[in-house]
N, C-alpha and C. Protein backbone atom coordinates (compact mmCIF):
# COMPACT_ATOMS: atom_id res chain seq x y z
N MET A 1 0.86 -1.18 -0.01
CA MET A 1 0.03 0.00 0.03
C MET A 1 0.92 1.18 -0.02
N THR A 2 0.55 2.19 -0.82
CA THR A 2 1.32 3.43 -0.85
C THR A 2 1.09 4.30 0.35
N LYS A 3 2.01 5.18 0.61
CA LYS A 3 1.90 6.10 1.77
C LYS A 3 0.64 7.05 1.56
N LEU A 4 0.47 7.39 0.29
CA LEU A 4 -0.74 8.28 0.08
C LEU A 4 -2.05 7.56 0.38
N LEU A 5 -2.14 6.27 -0.03
CA LEU A 5 -3.32 5.48 0.25
C LEU A 5 -3.50 5.22 1.72
N GLU A 6 -2.39 5.11 2.47
CA GLU A 6 -2.49 4.88 3.92
C GLU A 6 -3.24 6.03 4.61
N LYS A 7 -3.09 7.25 4.13
CA LYS A 7 -3.73 8.41 4.80
C LYS A 7 -5.24 8.28 4.83
N PRO A 8 -5.91 8.10 3.68
CA PRO A 8 -7.35 7.99 3.72
C PRO A 8 -7.80 6.70 4.45
N VAL A 9 -7.08 5.65 4.32
CA VAL A 9 -7.46 4.39 5.01
C VAL A 9 -7.40 4.61 6.51
N THR A 10 -6.41 5.29 6.98
CA THR A 10 -6.33 5.58 8.42
C THR A 10 -7.49 6.51 8.82
N ALA A 11 -7.80 7.52 8.04
CA ALA A 11 -8.89 8.42 8.30
C ALA A 11 -10.22 7.65 8.37
N ILE A 12 -10.45 6.83 7.33
CA ILE A 12 -11.65 6.07 7.27
C ILE A 12 -11.83 5.15 8.49
N GLY A 13 -10.65 4.61 8.97
CA GLY A 13 -10.69 3.77 10.16
C GLY A 13 -11.19 4.40 11.40
N GLN A 14 -11.20 5.75 11.41
CA GLN A 14 -11.72 6.48 12.54
C GLN A 14 -13.22 6.74 12.52
N LEU A 15 -13.82 6.41 11.38
CA LEU A 15 -15.22 6.63 11.23
C LEU A 15 -16.02 5.52 11.84
N PRO A 16 -17.32 5.75 12.08
CA PRO A 16 -18.22 4.61 12.56
C PRO A 16 -18.30 3.52 11.53
N ALA A 17 -18.48 2.29 11.97
CA ALA A 17 -18.51 1.16 11.13
C ALA A 17 -19.44 1.31 9.88
N SER A 18 -20.61 1.87 10.12
CA SER A 18 -21.58 2.06 9.01
C SER A 18 -21.02 2.97 7.93
N GLU A 19 -20.28 3.99 8.31
CA GLU A 19 -19.70 4.90 7.30
C GLU A 19 -18.54 4.18 6.62
N GLN A 20 -17.70 3.40 7.36
CA GLN A 20 -16.59 2.68 6.77
C GLN A 20 -17.17 1.67 5.72
N ASP A 21 -18.32 0.99 6.06
CA ASP A 21 -18.88 0.04 5.11
C ASP A 21 -19.39 0.76 3.82
N ALA A 22 -20.02 1.93 4.02
CA ALA A 22 -20.48 2.70 2.91
C ALA A 22 -19.36 3.11 1.97
N ILE A 23 -18.26 3.58 2.56
CA ILE A 23 -17.14 3.97 1.74
C ILE A 23 -16.51 2.77 1.00
N ALA A 24 -16.45 1.65 1.71
CA ALA A 24 -15.88 0.42 1.16
C ALA A 24 -16.72 -0.04 -0.03
N ARG A 25 -18.06 0.04 0.12
CA ARG A 25 -18.99 -0.31 -0.98
C ARG A 25 -18.74 0.59 -2.21
N GLU A 26 -18.65 1.84 -1.96
CA GLU A 26 -18.34 2.82 -3.04
C GLU A 26 -17.08 2.53 -3.79
N LEU A 27 -16.02 2.22 -3.03
CA LEU A 27 -14.72 1.91 -3.66
C LEU A 27 -14.80 0.61 -4.44
N LEU A 28 -15.45 -0.39 -3.86
CA LEU A 28 -15.51 -1.70 -4.58
C LEU A 28 -16.37 -1.50 -5.86
N ASP A 29 -17.42 -0.74 -5.79
CA ASP A 29 -18.21 -0.46 -6.97
C ASP A 29 -17.42 0.20 -8.02
N ARG A 30 -16.65 1.18 -7.62
CA ARG A 30 -15.78 1.98 -8.51
C ARG A 30 -14.76 0.99 -9.17
N ILE A 31 -14.15 0.18 -8.44
CA ILE A 31 -13.19 -0.80 -8.95
C ILE A 31 -13.80 -1.70 -9.94
N GLU A 32 -15.05 -2.20 -9.65
CA GLU A 32 -15.72 -3.10 -10.54
C GLU A 32 -16.13 -2.37 -11.84
N VAL A 33 -16.63 -1.15 -11.77
CA VAL A 33 -16.99 -0.39 -12.97
C VAL A 33 -15.75 -0.15 -13.80
N ASP A 34 -14.72 0.30 -13.14
CA ASP A 34 -13.44 0.57 -13.93
C ASP A 34 -12.96 -0.68 -14.63
N SER A 35 -13.07 -1.87 -13.98
CA SER A 35 -12.68 -3.12 -14.57
C SER A 35 -13.49 -3.47 -15.79
N ARG A 36 -14.85 -3.24 -15.65
CA ARG A 36 -15.70 -3.52 -16.82
C ARG A 36 -15.34 -2.56 -17.92
N TRP A 37 -15.14 -1.34 -17.71
CA TRP A 37 -14.77 -0.43 -18.84
C TRP A 37 -13.43 -0.81 -19.46
N ASP A 38 -12.45 -1.21 -18.62
CA ASP A 38 -11.15 -1.66 -19.19
C ASP A 38 -11.37 -2.86 -20.10
N LYS A 39 -12.23 -3.80 -19.68
CA LYS A 39 -12.45 -5.01 -20.55
C LYS A 39 -13.17 -4.59 -21.83
N LEU A 40 -14.15 -3.74 -21.66
CA LEU A 40 -14.94 -3.27 -22.84
C LEU A 40 -14.05 -2.56 -23.80
N LEU A 41 -13.22 -1.65 -23.33
CA LEU A 41 -12.34 -0.85 -24.23
C LEU A 41 -11.23 -1.65 -24.82
N ALA A 42 -10.86 -2.76 -24.16
CA ALA A 42 -9.79 -3.63 -24.69
C ALA A 42 -10.32 -4.53 -25.84
N ASP A 43 -11.61 -4.66 -25.92
CA ASP A 43 -12.20 -5.43 -27.00
C ASP A 43 -12.09 -4.72 -28.29
N PRO A 44 -11.46 -5.36 -29.31
CA PRO A 44 -11.29 -4.62 -30.58
C PRO A 44 -12.59 -4.18 -31.21
N ARG A 45 -13.63 -4.82 -30.92
CA ARG A 45 -14.95 -4.45 -31.52
C ARG A 45 -15.44 -3.10 -31.03
N SER A 46 -14.89 -2.65 -29.87
CA SER A 46 -15.34 -1.36 -29.33
C SER A 46 -14.81 -0.18 -30.14
N GLU A 47 -13.73 -0.41 -30.90
CA GLU A 47 -13.14 0.75 -31.61
C GLU A 47 -14.08 1.40 -32.54
N GLY A 48 -14.86 0.59 -33.31
CA GLY A 48 -15.78 1.15 -34.29
C GLY A 48 -16.91 1.88 -33.54
N VAL A 49 -17.38 1.37 -32.44
CA VAL A 49 -18.51 2.00 -31.75
C VAL A 49 -18.01 3.38 -31.18
N LEU A 50 -16.78 3.32 -30.61
CA LEU A 50 -16.25 4.57 -30.09
C LEU A 50 -16.05 5.60 -31.14
N ALA A 51 -15.58 5.22 -32.29
CA ALA A 51 -15.35 6.12 -33.40
C ALA A 51 -16.67 6.75 -33.83
N ARG A 52 -17.69 5.89 -33.92
CA ARG A 52 -19.03 6.46 -34.26
C ARG A 52 -19.60 7.42 -33.26
N MET A 53 -19.36 7.05 -31.98
CA MET A 53 -19.85 7.97 -30.88
C MET A 53 -19.07 9.30 -30.90
N ALA A 54 -17.74 9.25 -31.19
CA ALA A 54 -16.99 10.47 -31.30
C ALA A 54 -17.48 11.35 -32.50
N ALA A 55 -17.69 10.65 -33.62
CA ALA A 55 -18.16 11.38 -34.83
C ALA A 55 -19.53 12.05 -34.55
N ASP A 56 -20.41 11.29 -33.85
CA ASP A 56 -21.70 11.88 -33.49
C ASP A 56 -21.60 13.05 -32.65
N ALA A 57 -20.68 13.00 -31.64
CA ALA A 57 -20.53 14.10 -30.68
C ALA A 57 -19.92 15.30 -31.42
N ARG A 58 -18.99 15.10 -32.32
CA ARG A 58 -18.38 16.20 -33.12
C ARG A 58 -19.50 16.86 -34.00
N ALA A 59 -20.35 16.05 -34.56
CA ALA A 59 -21.39 16.54 -35.41
C ALA A 59 -22.42 17.42 -34.59
N GLU A 60 -22.75 16.91 -33.36
CA GLU A 60 -23.70 17.66 -32.53
C GLU A 60 -23.07 18.99 -32.12
N ILE A 61 -21.78 19.00 -31.80
CA ILE A 61 -21.10 20.26 -31.44
C ILE A 61 -21.07 21.22 -32.62
N ALA A 62 -20.69 20.67 -33.76
CA ALA A 62 -20.63 21.54 -34.99
C ALA A 62 -22.04 22.13 -35.38
N ALA A 63 -23.10 21.35 -35.05
CA ALA A 63 -24.44 21.85 -35.36
C ALA A 63 -24.95 22.78 -34.21
N GLY A 64 -24.19 22.94 -33.19
CA GLY A 64 -24.59 23.80 -32.10
C GLY A 64 -25.69 23.16 -31.23
N ASP A 65 -25.76 21.84 -31.23
CA ASP A 65 -26.79 21.11 -30.45
C ASP A 65 -26.31 20.78 -29.03
N VAL A 66 -25.20 21.23 -28.65
CA VAL A 66 -24.58 20.93 -27.36
C VAL A 66 -24.36 22.21 -26.58
N GLU A 67 -24.76 22.21 -25.25
CA GLU A 67 -24.52 23.35 -24.40
C GLU A 67 -23.45 23.00 -23.49
N ASN A 68 -22.61 24.03 -23.14
CA ASN A 68 -21.55 23.85 -22.18
C ASN A 68 -22.06 24.07 -20.82
N ASP A 69 -22.12 23.06 -20.01
CA ASP A 69 -22.62 23.17 -18.62
C ASP A 69 -21.47 23.26 -17.62
N ASP A 70 -20.25 23.41 -18.07
CA ASP A 70 -19.07 23.56 -17.15
C ASP A 70 -19.04 24.99 -16.70
N PRO A 71 -19.30 25.23 -15.37
CA PRO A 71 -19.39 26.61 -14.88
C PRO A 71 -18.02 27.30 -14.96
N GLY A 72 -16.94 26.55 -15.04
CA GLY A 72 -15.60 27.18 -15.16
C GLY A 72 -15.33 27.72 -16.50
N THR A 73 -16.12 27.38 -17.49
CA THR A 73 -15.85 27.92 -18.85
C THR A 73 -16.99 28.80 -19.37
N ARG A 74 -17.99 29.11 -18.57
CA ARG A 74 -19.08 29.99 -19.04
C ARG A 74 -18.66 31.45 -18.88
N PRO A 75 -19.10 32.28 -19.75
CA PRO A 75 -18.84 33.73 -19.56
C PRO A 75 -19.42 34.24 -18.28
N ASP A 76 -18.77 35.24 -17.69
CA ASP A 76 -19.30 35.81 -16.47
C ASP A 76 -20.60 36.53 -16.73
N ASP A 77 -21.65 36.20 -15.96
CA ASP A 77 -23.01 36.78 -16.18
C ASP A 77 -23.15 38.11 -15.46
N SER A 78 -22.16 38.55 -14.73
CA SER A 78 -22.36 39.72 -13.91
C SER A 78 -22.23 41.01 -14.74
């Protein structure tokens, strides 16, 4: 275990058991989801699907059908 990972593990260990379990479930879910994405993206068949999705996204952006919801990039409304 890395020193960086030891810090949150130690902090989590100070929490009530129910909170520790909730955090553990979130981490395990994240690891499982990441693993599924890794397997999906490693499949050569996914390349064509991803290319089509990217092309569709670029077309939507070019057509102006996409709004930027990132508050850090919106013009100041003041």
